[in-house]
């Protein structure tokens, strides 16, 4: 039997991927900036040990790309941006998210048909 913590962690992983891609959609962003923005919501706060492997995987899958750029406030930073394939994947994820959350809300009685 799966514990509540394991279920929660799996749910959070998929949601985190959706949110990271959604944030990158709005313009180039570097890792620390992503982590800081996600930290605004306790449920989405992540450590570097979670965020950077996710960014590496998304890059390896061809959904995002990274480039080193000078920073106005210090050393160069690795900025991430969405590739066209990532935009398409994000659109599919969003559609599935809305379909799923609407269905769950109905099942849990939050909405009537």
PDB file of N, CA and C in Angstrom:
ATOM      1  N   UNK A   1       0.847  -1.185   0.000  1.00  0.00           N
ATOM      2  CA  UNK A   1       0.000   0.000   0.000  1.00  0.00           C
ATOM      3  C   UNK A   1       0.889   1.245   0.000  1.00  0.00           C
ATOM      4  N   UNK A   2       0.520   2.199  -0.797  1.00  0.00           N
ATOM      5  CA  UNK A   2       1.290   3.436  -0.929  1.00  0.00           C
ATOM      6  C   UNK A   2       0.939   4.394   0.210  1.00  0.00           C
ATOM      7  N   UNK A   3       1.961   5.001   0.783  1.00  0.00           N
ATOM      8  CA  UNK A   3       1.711   5.959   1.860  1.00  0.00           C
ATOM      9  C   UNK A   3       1.221   7.281   1.282  1.00  0.00           C
ATOM     10  N   UNK A   4       0.590   8.083   2.120  1.00  0.00           N
ATOM     11  CA  UNK A   4       0.124   9.395   1.701  1.00  0.00           C
ATOM     12  C   UNK A   4       1.255  10.276   1.229  1.00  0.00           C
ATOM     13  N   UNK A   5       2.428  10.143   1.852  1.00  0.00           N
ATOM     14  CA  UNK A   5       3.578  10.959   1.448  1.00  0.00           C
ATOM     15  C   UNK A   5       4.054  10.587   0.046  1.00  0.00           C
ATOM     16  N   UNK A   6       4.052   9.289  -0.284  1.00  0.00           N
ATOM     17  CA  UNK A   6       4.470   8.870  -1.624  1.00  0.00           C
ATOM     18  C   UNK A   6       3.498   9.378  -2.678  1.00  0.00           C
ATOM     19  N   UNK A   7       2.202   9.289  -2.397  1.00  0.00           N
ATOM     20  CA  UNK A   7       1.182   9.765  -3.319  1.00  0.00           C
ATOM     21  C   UNK A   7       1.341  11.262  -3.536  1.00  0.00           C
ATOM     22  N   UNK A   8       1.541  11.983  -2.465  1.00  0.00           N
ATOM     23  CA  UNK A   8       1.706  13.430  -2.531  1.00  0.00           C
ATOM     24  C   UNK A   8       2.944  13.802  -3.342  1.00  0.00           C
ATOM     25  N   UNK A   9       4.031  13.072  -3.155  1.00  0.00           N
ATOM     26  CA  UNK A   9       5.274  13.355  -3.886  1.00  0.00           C
ATOM     27  C   UNK A   9       5.084  13.137  -5.380  1.00  0.00           C
ATOM     28  N   UNK A  10       4.373  12.074  -5.763  1.00  0.00           N
ATOM     29  CA  UNK A  10       4.136  11.819  -7.184  1.00  0.00           C
ATOM     30  C   UNK A  10       3.262  12.909  -7.798  1.00  0.00           C
ATOM     31  N   UNK A  11       2.228  13.298  -7.074  1.00  0.00           N
ATOM     32  CA  UNK A  11       1.347  14.365  -7.543  1.00  0.00           C
ATOM     33  C   UNK A  11       2.132  15.665  -7.715  1.00  0.00           C
ATOM     34  N   UNK A  12       2.974  15.945  -6.765  1.00  0.00           N
ATOM     35  CA  UNK A  12       3.771  17.179  -6.776  1.00  0.00           C
ATOM     36  C   UNK A  12       4.765  17.213  -7.930  1.00  0.00           C
ATOM     37  N   UNK A  13       5.380  16.074  -8.253  1.00  0.00           N
ATOM     38  CA  UNK A  13       6.358  16.030  -9.346  1.00  0.00           C
ATOM     39  C   UNK A  13       5.741  16.450 -10.676  1.00  0.00           C
ATOM     40  N   UNK A  14       4.588  15.886 -11.011  1.00  0.00           N
ATOM     41  CA  UNK A  14       3.936  16.242 -12.267  1.00  0.00           C
ATOM     42  C   UNK A  14       3.488  17.688 -12.280  1.00  0.00           C
ATOM     43  N   UNK A  15       2.968  18.142 -11.155  1.00  0.00           N
ATOM     44  CA  UNK A  15       2.504  19.519 -11.046  1.00  0.00           C
ATOM     45  C   UNK A  15       3.683  20.483 -11.163  1.00  0.00           C
ATOM     46  N   UNK A  16       4.792  20.125 -10.559  1.00  0.00           N
ATOM     47  CA  UNK A  16       5.985  20.964 -10.621  1.00  0.00           C
ATOM     48  C   UNK A  16       6.477  21.111 -12.058  1.00  0.00           C
ATOM     49  N   UNK A  17       6.478  20.026 -12.815  1.00  0.00           N
ATOM     50  CA  UNK A  17       6.898  20.102 -14.219  1.00  0.00           C
ATOM     51  C   UNK A  17       5.996  21.057 -14.992  1.00  0.00           C
ATOM     52  N   UNK A  18       4.699  20.959 -14.789  1.00  0.00           N
ATOM     53  CA  UNK A  18       3.747  21.845 -15.451  1.00  0.00           C
ATOM     54  C   UNK A  18       4.026  23.302 -15.084  1.00  0.00           C
ATOM     55  N   UNK A  19       4.245  23.573 -13.805  1.00  0.00           N
ATOM     56  CA  UNK A  19       4.486  24.951 -13.352  1.00  0.00           C
ATOM     57  C   UNK A  19       5.812  25.504 -13.872  1.00  0.00           C
ATOM     58  N   UNK A  20       6.857  24.698 -13.878  1.00  0.00           N
ATOM     59  CA  UNK A  20       8.161  25.149 -14.372  1.00  0.00           C
ATOM     60  C   UNK A  20       8.062  25.505 -15.853  1.00  0.00           C
ATOM     61  N   UNK A  21       7.451  24.633 -16.641  1.00  0.00           N
ATOM     62  CA  UNK A  21       7.290  24.942 -18.064  1.00  0.00           C
ATOM     63  C   UNK A  21       6.431  26.187 -18.254  1.00  0.00           C
ATOM     64  N   UNK A  22       5.395  26.331 -17.439  1.00  0.00           N
ATOM     65  CA  UNK A  22       4.542  27.510 -17.530  1.00  0.00           C
ATOM     66  C   UNK A  22       5.291  28.790 -17.219  1.00  0.00           C
ATOM     67  N   UNK A  23       6.193  28.745 -16.251  1.00  0.00           N
ATOM     68  CA  UNK A  23       6.985  29.928 -15.912  1.00  0.00           C
ATOM     69  C   UNK A  23       7.988  30.255 -17.006  1.00  0.00           C
ATOM     70  N   UNK A  24       8.589  29.232 -17.577  1.00  0.00           N
ATOM     71  CA  UNK A  24       9.572  29.448 -18.641  1.00  0.00           C
ATOM     72  C   UNK A  24       8.884  29.984 -19.898  1.00  0.00           C
ATOM     73  N   UNK A  25       7.627  29.632 -20.095  1.00  0.00           N
ATOM     74  CA  UNK A  25       6.869  30.099 -21.256  1.00  0.00           C
ATOM     75  C   UNK A  25       6.865  31.628 -21.333  1.00  0.00           C
ATOM     76  N   UNK A  26       6.880  32.290 -20.205  1.00  0.00           N
ATOM     77  CA  UNK A  26       6.744  33.746 -20.171  1.00  0.00           C
ATOM     78  C   UNK A  26       8.063  34.487 -20.373  1.00  0.00           C
ATOM     79  N   UNK A  27       9.120  33.763 -20.687  1.00  0.00           N
ATOM     80  CA  UNK A  27      10.401  34.410 -20.961  1.00  0.00           C
ATOM     81  C   UNK A  27      11.542  33.654 -20.318  1.00  0.00           C
ATOM     82  N   UNK A  28      12.733  33.954 -20.774  1.00  0.00           N
ATOM     83  CA  UNK A  28      13.922  33.296 -20.243  1.00  0.00           C
ATOM     84  C   UNK A  28      14.020  33.495 -18.735  1.00  0.00           C
ATOM     85  N   UNK A  29      14.470  32.463 -18.068  1.00  0.00           N
ATOM     86  CA  UNK A  29      14.585  32.513 -16.616  1.00  0.00           C
ATOM     87  C   UNK A  29      15.750  31.617 -16.200  1.00  0.00           C
ATOM     88  N   UNK A  30      16.438  31.997 -15.138  1.00  0.00           N
ATOM     89  CA  UNK A  30      17.537  31.164 -14.646  1.00  0.00           C
ATOM     90  C   UNK A  30      17.059  30.368 -13.429  1.00  0.00           C
ATOM     91  N   UNK A  31      17.801  29.336 -13.082  1.00  0.00           N
ATOM     92  CA  UNK A  31      17.370  28.383 -12.071  1.00  0.00           C
ATOM     93  C   UNK A  31      17.011  28.991 -10.727  1.00  0.00           C
ATOM     94  N   UNK A  32      17.870  29.845 -10.193  1.00  0.00           N
ATOM     95  CA  UNK A  32      17.595  30.432  -8.883  1.00  0.00           C
ATOM     96  C   UNK A  32      16.324  31.272  -8.928  1.00  0.00           C
ATOM     97  N   UNK A  33      16.116  31.968 -10.035  1.00  0.00           N
ATOM     98  CA  UNK A  33      14.901  32.773 -10.194  1.00  0.00           C
ATOM     99  C   UNK A  33      13.663  31.880 -10.192  1.00  0.00           C
ATOM    100  N   UNK A  34      13.736  30.749 -10.886  1.00  0.00           N
ATOM    101  CA  UNK A  34      12.625  29.800 -10.877  1.00  0.00           C
ATOM    102  C   UNK A  34      12.329  29.321  -9.458  1.00  0.00           C
ATOM    103  N   UNK A  35      13.372  28.932  -8.745  1.00  0.00           N
ATOM    104  CA  UNK A  35      13.200  28.443  -7.374  1.00  0.00           C
ATOM    105  C   UNK A  35      12.576  29.517  -6.491  1.00  0.00           C
ATOM    106  N   UNK A  36      13.024  30.745  -6.642  1.00  0.00           N
ATOM    107  CA  UNK A  36      12.481  31.851  -5.838  1.00  0.00           C
ATOM    108  C   UNK A  36      11.014  32.101  -6.157  1.00  0.00           C
ATOM    109  N   UNK A  37      10.677  32.053  -7.427  1.00  0.00           N
ATOM    110  CA  UNK A  37       9.283  32.275  -7.814  1.00  0.00           C
ATOM    111  C   UNK A  37       8.397  31.148  -7.316  1.00  0.00           C
ATOM    112  N   UNK A  38       8.866  29.912  -7.417  1.00  0.00           N
ATOM    113  CA  UNK A  38       8.077  28.774  -6.932  1.00  0.00           C
ATOM    114  C   UNK A  38       7.895  28.827  -5.421  1.00  0.00           C
ATOM    115  N   UNK A  39       8.867  29.377  -4.713  1.00  0.00           N
ATOM    116  CA  UNK A  39       8.819  29.435  -3.249  1.00  0.00           C
ATOM    117  C   UNK A  39       7.697  30.342  -2.738  1.00  0.00           C
ATOM    118  N   UNK A  40       7.120  31.146  -3.622  1.00  0.00           N
ATOM    119  CA  UNK A  40       5.986  31.980  -3.210  1.00  0.00           C
ATOM    120  C   UNK A  40       4.820  31.127  -2.728  1.00  0.00           C
ATOM    121  N   UNK A  41       4.756  29.897  -3.228  1.00  0.00           N
ATOM    122  CA  UNK A  41       3.704  28.963  -2.843  1.00  0.00           C
ATOM    123  C   UNK A  41       4.357  27.795  -2.114  1.00  0.00           C
ATOM    124  N   UNK A  42       4.039  27.625  -0.872  1.00  0.00           N
ATOM    125  CA  UNK A  42       4.674  26.595  -0.046  1.00  0.00           C
ATOM    126  C   UNK A  42       4.614  25.215  -0.703  1.00  0.00           C
ATOM    127  N   UNK A  43       3.491  24.892  -1.307  1.00  0.00           N
ATOM    128  CA  UNK A  43       3.334  23.571  -1.921  1.00  0.00           C
ATOM    129  C   UNK A  43       4.234  23.362  -3.138  1.00  0.00           C
ATOM    130  N   UNK A  44       4.752  24.450  -3.715  1.00  0.00           N
ATOM    131  CA  UNK A  44       5.599  24.344  -4.904  1.00  0.00           C
ATOM    132  C   UNK A  44       7.073  24.627  -4.622  1.00  0.00           C
ATOM    133  N   UNK A  45       7.403  24.997  -3.405  1.00  0.00           N
ATOM    134  CA  UNK A  45       8.799  25.300  -3.064  1.00  0.00           C
ATOM    135  C   UNK A  45       9.660  24.062  -3.300  1.00  0.00           C
ATOM    136  N   UNK A  46      10.812  24.271  -3.933  1.00  0.00           N
ATOM    137  CA  UNK A  46      11.706  23.158  -4.264  1.00  0.00           C
ATOM    138  C   UNK A  46      13.140  23.493  -3.887  1.00  0.00           C
ATOM    139  N   UNK A  47      13.902  22.443  -3.678  1.00  0.00           N
ATOM    140  CA  UNK A  47      15.338  22.607  -3.435  1.00  0.00           C
ATOM    141  C   UNK A  47      16.060  22.550  -4.777  1.00  0.00           C
ATOM    142  N   UNK A  48      17.305  22.965  -4.774  1.00  0.00           N
ATOM    143  CA  UNK A  48      18.122  22.867  -5.988  1.00  0.00           C
ATOM    144  C   UNK A  48      18.252  21.409  -6.419  1.00  0.00           C
ATOM    145  N   UNK A  49      18.281  20.506  -5.443  1.00  0.00           N
ATOM    146  CA  UNK A  49      18.408  19.083  -5.734  1.00  0.00           C
ATOM    147  C   UNK A  49      17.198  18.505  -6.443  1.00  0.00           C
ATOM    148  N   UNK A  50      16.098  19.205  -6.418  1.00  0.00           N
ATOM    149  CA  UNK A  50      14.896  18.802  -7.156  1.00  0.00           C
ATOM    150  C   UNK A  50      14.794  19.565  -8.465  1.00  0.00           C
ATOM    151  N   UNK A  51      15.042  20.859  -8.425  1.00  0.00           N
ATOM    152  CA  UNK A  51      14.829  21.709  -9.597  1.00  0.00           C
ATOM    153  C   UNK A  51      15.829  21.437 -10.717  1.00  0.00           C
ATOM    154  N   UNK A  52      17.110  21.392 -10.405  1.00  0.00           N
ATOM    155  CA  UNK A  52      18.104  21.272 -11.472  1.00  0.00           C
ATOM    156  C   UNK A  52      18.040  19.931 -12.207  1.00  0.00           C
ATOM    157  N   UNK A  53      17.797  18.812 -11.534  1.00  0.00           N
ATOM    158  CA  UNK A  53      17.591  17.577 -12.308  1.00  0.00           C
ATOM    159  C   UNK A  53      16.356  17.651 -13.220  1.00  0.00           C
ATOM    160  N   UNK A  54      15.307  18.327 -12.762  1.00  0.00           N
ATOM    161  CA  UNK A  54      14.121  18.497 -13.603  1.00  0.00           C
ATOM    162  C   UNK A  54      14.470  19.329 -14.835  1.00  0.00           C
ATOM    163  N   UNK A  55      15.183  20.429 -14.644  1.00  0.00           N
ATOM    164  CA  UNK A  55      15.596  21.265 -15.781  1.00  0.00           C
ATOM    165  C   UNK A  55      16.488  20.489 -16.740  1.00  0.00           C
ATOM    166  N   UNK A  56      17.383  19.683 -16.210  1.00  0.00           N
ATOM    167  CA  UNK A  56      18.273  18.867 -17.053  1.00  0.00           C
ATOM    168  C   UNK A  56      17.455  17.865 -17.872  1.00  0.00           C
ATOM    169  N   UNK A  57      16.469  17.226 -17.237  1.00  0.00           N
ATOM    170  CA  UNK A  57      15.630  16.257 -17.944  1.00  0.00           C
ATOM    171  C   UNK A  57      14.816  16.942 -19.042  1.00  0.00           C
ATOM    172  N   UNK A  58      14.215  18.082 -18.724  1.00  0.00           N
ATOM    173  CA  UNK A  58      13.437  18.813 -19.728  1.00  0.00           C
ATOM    174  C   UNK A  58      14.316  19.241 -20.895  1.00  0.00           C
ATOM    175  N   UNK A  59      15.559  19.599 -20.619  1.00  0.00           N
ATOM    176  CA  UNK A  59      16.505  19.953 -21.667  1.00  0.00           C
ATOM    177  C   UNK A  59      16.865  18.724 -22.509  1.00  0.00           C
ATOM    178  N   UNK A  60      17.141  17.615 -21.847  1.00  0.00           N
ATOM    179  CA  UNK A  60      17.477  16.371 -22.559  1.00  0.00           C
ATOM    180  C   UNK A  60      16.326  15.895 -23.433  1.00  0.00           C
ATOM    181  N   UNK A  61      15.095  16.181 -23.017  1.00  0.00           N
ATOM    182  CA  UNK A  61      13.918  15.784 -23.791  1.00  0.00           C
ATOM    183  C   UNK A  61      13.612  16.767 -24.919  1.00  0.00           C
ATOM    184  N   UNK A  62      14.393  17.840 -25.021  1.00  0.00           N
ATOM    185  CA  UNK A  62      14.222  18.804 -26.093  1.00  0.00           C
ATOM    186  C   UNK A  62      13.074  19.777 -25.887  1.00  0.00           C
ATOM    187  N   UNK A  63      12.590  19.894 -24.648  1.00  0.00           N
ATOM    188  CA  UNK A  63      11.469  20.788 -24.368  1.00  0.00           C
ATOM    189  C   UNK A  63      11.926  22.206 -24.029  1.00  0.00           C
ATOM    190  N   UNK A  64      13.102  22.316 -23.434  1.00  0.00           N
ATOM    191  CA  UNK A  64      13.692  23.616 -23.122  1.00  0.00           C
ATOM    192  C   UNK A  64      15.130  23.612 -23.608  1.00  0.00           C
ATOM    193  N   UNK A  65      15.703  24.801 -23.713  1.00  0.00           N
ATOM    194  CA  UNK A  65      17.128  24.892 -24.014  1.00  0.00           C
ATOM    195  C   UNK A  65      17.755  25.906 -23.083  1.00  0.00           C
ATOM    196  N   UNK A  66      19.018  25.727 -22.859  1.00  0.00           N
ATOM    197  CA  UNK A  66      19.736  26.575 -21.909  1.00  0.00           C
ATOM    198  C   UNK A  66      20.880  27.290 -22.616  1.00  0.00           C
ATOM    199  N   UNK A  67      21.176  28.484 -22.134  1.00  0.00           N
ATOM    200  CA  UNK A  67      22.322  29.229 -22.647  1.00  0.00           C
ATOM    201  C   UNK A  67      22.906  30.063 -21.514  1.00  0.00           C
ATOM    202  N   UNK A  68      24.224  30.168 -21.519  1.00  0.00           N
ATOM    203  CA  UNK A  68      24.914  30.983 -20.524  1.00  0.00           C
ATOM    204  C   UNK A  68      24.902  32.430 -21.004  1.00  0.00           C
ATOM    205  N   UNK A  69      24.527  33.326 -20.107  1.00  0.00           N
ATOM    206  CA  UNK A  69      24.461  34.741 -20.460  1.00  0.00           C
ATOM    207  C   UNK A  69      25.017  35.585 -19.321  1.00  0.00           C
ATOM    208  N   UNK A  70      25.588  36.725 -19.658  1.00  0.00           N
ATOM    209  CA  UNK A  70      26.092  37.604 -18.599  1.00  0.00           C
ATOM    210  C   UNK A  70      24.939  38.083 -17.716  1.00  0.00           C
ATOM    211  N   UNK A  71      25.266  38.316 -16.476  1.00  0.00           N
ATOM    212  CA  UNK A  71      24.288  38.825 -15.528  1.00  0.00           C
ATOM    213  C   UNK A  71      24.642  40.247 -15.147  1.00  0.00           C
ATOM    214  N   UNK A  72      23.656  41.129 -15.035  1.00  0.00           N
ATOM    215  CA  UNK A  72      23.962  42.497 -14.625  1.00  0.00           C
ATOM    216  C   UNK A  72      24.396  42.567 -13.155  1.00  0.00           C
ATOM    217  N   UNK A  73      24.159  41.474 -12.417  1.00  0.00           N
ATOM    218  CA  UNK A  73      24.448  41.491 -10.978  1.00  0.00           C
ATOM    219  C   UNK A  73      25.456  40.422 -10.568  1.00  0.00           C
ATOM    220  N   UNK A  74      26.436  40.128 -11.413  1.00  0.00           N
ATOM    221  CA  UNK A  74      27.431  39.138 -11.004  1.00  0.00           C
ATOM    222  C   UNK A  74      27.862  38.235 -12.133  1.00  0.00           C
ATOM    223  N   UNK A  75      28.160  36.969 -11.794  1.00  0.00           N
ATOM    224  CA  UNK A  75      28.694  36.040 -12.801  1.00  0.00           C
ATOM    225  C   UNK A  75      27.628  35.652 -13.836  1.00  0.00           C
ATOM    226  N   UNK A  76      28.087  34.995 -14.892  1.00  0.00           N
ATOM    227  CA  UNK A  76      27.155  34.530 -15.923  1.00  0.00           C
ATOM    228  C   UNK A  76      26.141  33.570 -15.306  1.00  0.00           C
ATOM    229  N   UNK A  77      24.975  33.515 -15.914  1.00  0.00           N
ATOM    230  CA  UNK A  77      23.898  32.647 -15.428  1.00  0.00           C
ATOM    231  C   UNK A  77      23.415  31.774 -16.580  1.00  0.00           C
ATOM    232  N   UNK A  78      22.930  30.604 -16.207  1.00  0.00           N
ATOM    233  CA  UNK A  78      22.360  29.698 -17.189  1.00  0.00           C
ATOM    234  C   UNK A  78      20.863  29.987 -17.274  1.00  0.00           C
ATOM    235  N   UNK A  79      20.445  30.519 -18.412  1.00  0.00           N
ATOM    236  CA  UNK A  79      19.047  30.861 -18.648  1.00  0.00           C
ATOM    237  C   UNK A  79      18.366  29.759 -19.450  1.00  0.00           C
ATOM    238  N   UNK A  80      17.120  29.509 -19.121  1.00  0.00           N
ATOM    239  CA  UNK A  80      16.329  28.482 -19.787  1.00  0.00           C
ATOM    240  C   UNK A  80      15.212  29.148 -20.573  1.00  0.00           C
ATOM    241  N   UNK A  81      14.916  28.595 -21.740  1.00  0.00           N
ATOM    242  CA  UNK A  81      13.797  29.079 -22.525  1.00  0.00           C
ATOM    243  C   UNK A  81      13.082  27.890 -23.142  1.00  0.00           C
ATOM    244  N   UNK A  82      11.811  28.085 -23.421  1.00  0.00           N
ATOM    245  CA  UNK A  82      10.977  27.035 -23.986  1.00  0.00           C
ATOM    246  C   UNK A  82      11.260  26.894 -25.476  1.00  0.00           C
ATOM    247  N   UNK A  83      11.408  25.671 -25.925  1.00  0.00           N
ATOM    248  CA  UNK A  83      11.540  25.386 -27.353  1.00  0.00           C
ATOM    249  C   UNK A  83      10.137  25.191 -27.923  1.00  0.00           C
ATOM    250  N   UNK A  84       9.962  25.235 -29.226  1.00  0.00           N
ATOM    251  CA  UNK A  84       8.625  25.006 -29.811  1.00  0.00           C
ATOM    252  C   UNK A  84       8.021  23.671 -29.363  1.00  0.00           C
ATOM    253  N   UNK A  85       8.859  22.647 -29.254  1.00  0.00           N
ATOM    254  CA  UNK A  85       8.362  21.348 -28.777  1.00  0.00           C
ATOM    255  C   UNK A  85       7.870  21.447 -27.342  1.00  0.00           C
ATOM    256  N   UNK A  86       8.532  22.263 -26.547  1.00  0.00           N
ATOM    257  CA  UNK A  86       8.118  22.471 -25.165  1.00  0.00           C
ATOM    258  C   UNK A  86       6.800  23.204 -25.075  1.00  0.00           C
ATOM    259  N   UNK A  87       6.593  24.166 -25.963  1.00  0.00           N
ATOM    260  CA  UNK A  87       5.318  24.897 -26.005  1.00  0.00           C
ATOM    261  C   UNK A  87       4.184  23.945 -26.347  1.00  0.00           C
ATOM    262  N   UNK A  88       4.403  23.077 -27.318  1.00  0.00           N
ATOM    263  CA  UNK A  88       3.382  22.099 -27.698  1.00  0.00           C
ATOM    264  C   UNK A  88       3.089  21.138 -26.548  1.00  0.00           C
ATOM    265  N   UNK A  89       4.148  20.668 -25.899  1.00  0.00           N
ATOM    266  CA  UNK A  89       3.977  19.755 -24.767  1.00  0.00           C
ATOM    267  C   UNK A  89       3.231  20.460 -23.626  1.00  0.00           C
ATOM    268  N   UNK A  90       3.572  21.700 -23.351  1.00  0.00           N
ATOM    269  CA  UNK A  90       2.910  22.460 -22.300  1.00  0.00           C
ATOM    270  C   UNK A  90       1.424  22.631 -22.608  1.00  0.00           C
ATOM    271  N   UNK A  91       1.088  22.914 -23.844  1.00  0.00           N
ATOM    272  CA  UNK A  91      -0.323  23.044 -24.221  1.00  0.00           C
ATOM    273  C   UNK A  91      -1.078  21.748 -23.974  1.00  0.00           C
ATOM    274  N   UNK A  92      -0.464  20.616 -24.292  1.00  0.00           N
ATOM    275  CA  UNK A  92      -1.109  19.313 -24.024  1.00  0.00           C
ATOM    276  C   UNK A  92      -1.239  19.077 -22.524  1.00  0.00           C
ATOM    277  N   UNK A  93      -0.196  19.432 -21.776  1.00  0.00           N
ATOM    278  CA  UNK A  93      -0.244  19.258 -20.321  1.00  0.00           C
ATOM    279  C   UNK A  93      -1.355  20.109 -19.710  1.00  0.00           C
ATOM    280  N   UNK A  94      -1.464  21.346 -20.156  1.00  0.00           N
ATOM    281  CA  UNK A  94      -2.506  22.245 -19.632  1.00  0.00           C
ATOM    282  C   UNK A  94      -3.899  21.693 -19.921  1.00  0.00           C
ATOM    283  N   UNK A  95      -4.108  21.217 -21.143  1.00  0.00           N
ATOM    284  CA  UNK A  95      -5.413  20.658 -21.504  1.00  0.00           C
ATOM    285  C   UNK A  95      -5.726  19.448 -20.621  1.00  0.00           C
ATOM    286  N   UNK A  96      -4.751  18.587 -20.420  1.00  0.00           N
ATOM    287  CA  UNK A  96      -4.952  17.404 -19.568  1.00  0.00           C
ATOM    288  C   UNK A  96      -5.181  17.821 -18.120  1.00  0.00           C
ATOM    289  N   UNK A  97      -4.443  18.820 -17.654  1.00  0.00           N
ATOM    290  CA  UNK A  97      -4.608  19.322 -16.284  1.00  0.00           C
ATOM    291  C   UNK A  97      -6.040  19.797 -16.057  1.00  0.00           C
ATOM    292  N   UNK A  98      -6.554  20.600 -16.989  1.00  0.00           N
ATOM    293  CA  UNK A  98      -7.909  21.135 -16.840  1.00  0.00           C
ATOM    294  C   UNK A  98      -8.953  20.019 -16.913  1.00  0.00           C
ATOM    295  N   UNK A  99      -8.745  19.079 -17.818  1.00  0.00           N
ATOM    296  CA  UNK A  99      -9.670  17.948 -17.932  1.00  0.00           C
ATOM    297  C   UNK A  99      -9.676  17.136 -16.641  1.00  0.00           C
ATOM    298  N   UNK A 100      -8.498  16.885 -16.113  1.00  0.00           N
ATOM    299  CA  UNK A 100      -8.370  16.090 -14.895  1.00  0.00           C
ATOM    300  C   UNK A 100      -8.935  16.822 -13.679  1.00  0.00           C
ATOM    301  N   UNK A 101      -8.554  18.080 -13.498  1.00  0.00           N
ATOM    302  CA  UNK A 101      -9.023  18.802 -12.304  1.00  0.00           C
ATOM    303  C   UNK A 101     -10.531  19.038 -12.352  1.00  0.00           C
ATOM    304  N   UNK A 102     -11.089  19.266 -13.533  1.00  0.00           N
ATOM    305  CA  UNK A 102     -12.541  19.412 -13.640  1.00  0.00           C
ATOM    306  C   UNK A 102     -13.234  18.100 -13.269  1.00  0.00           C
ATOM    307  N   UNK A 103     -12.704  16.989 -13.742  1.00  0.00           N
ATOM    308  CA  UNK A 103     -13.295  15.684 -13.433  1.00  0.00           C
ATOM    309  C   UNK A 103     -13.199  15.369 -11.948  1.00  0.00           C
ATOM    310  N   UNK A 104     -12.041  15.619 -11.355  1.00  0.00           N
ATOM    311  CA  UNK A 104     -11.858  15.350  -9.925  1.00  0.00           C
ATOM    312  C   UNK A 104     -12.804  16.217  -9.102  1.00  0.00           C
ATOM    313  N   UNK A 105     -12.946  17.477  -9.482  1.00  0.00           N
ATOM    314  CA  UNK A 105     -13.857  18.366  -8.765  1.00  0.00           C
ATOM    315  C   UNK A 105     -15.285  17.827  -8.808  1.00  0.00           C
ATOM    316  N   UNK A 106     -15.694  17.306  -9.952  1.00  0.00           N
ATOM    317  CA  UNK A 106     -17.039  16.726 -10.052  1.00  0.00           C
ATOM    318  C   UNK A 106     -17.165  15.491  -9.175  1.00  0.00           C
ATOM    319  N   UNK A 107     -16.168  14.620  -9.231  1.00  0.00           N
ATOM    320  CA  UNK A 107     -16.211  13.398  -8.424  1.00  0.00           C
ATOM    321  C   UNK A 107     -16.293  13.726  -6.940  1.00  0.00           C
ATOM    322  N   UNK A 108     -15.573  14.733  -6.514  1.00  0.00           N
ATOM    323  CA  UNK A 108     -15.550  15.100  -5.108  1.00  0.00           C
ATOM    324  C   UNK A 108     -16.749  15.956  -4.709  1.00  0.00           C
ATOM    325  N   UNK A 109     -17.646  16.190  -5.656  1.00  0.00           N
ATOM    326  CA  UNK A 109     -18.876  16.897  -5.344  1.00  0.00           C
ATOM    327  C   UNK A 109     -18.753  18.404  -5.282  1.00  0.00           C
ATOM    328  N   UNK A 110     -17.663  18.949  -5.802  1.00  0.00           N
ATOM    329  CA  UNK A 110     -17.483  20.397  -5.758  1.00  0.00           C
ATOM    330  C   UNK A 110     -18.278  21.082  -6.852  1.00  0.00           C
ATOM    331  N   UNK A 111     -18.653  20.340  -7.882  1.00  0.00           N
ATOM    332  CA  UNK A 111     -19.426  20.909  -8.981  1.00  0.00           C
ATOM    333  C   UNK A 111     -20.545  19.946  -9.345  1.00  0.00           C
ATOM    334  N   UNK A 112     -21.635  20.480  -9.766  1.00  0.00           N
ATOM    335  CA  UNK A 112     -22.710  19.627 -10.265  1.00  0.00           C
ATOM    336  C   UNK A 112     -22.650  19.630 -11.776  1.00  0.00           C
ATOM    337  N   UNK A 113     -23.186  18.578 -12.362  1.00  0.00           N
ATOM    338  CA  UNK A 113     -23.152  18.471 -13.826  1.00  0.00           C
ATOM    339  C   UNK A 113     -24.090  19.403 -14.489  1.00  0.00           C
TER     340      UNK A 113
END
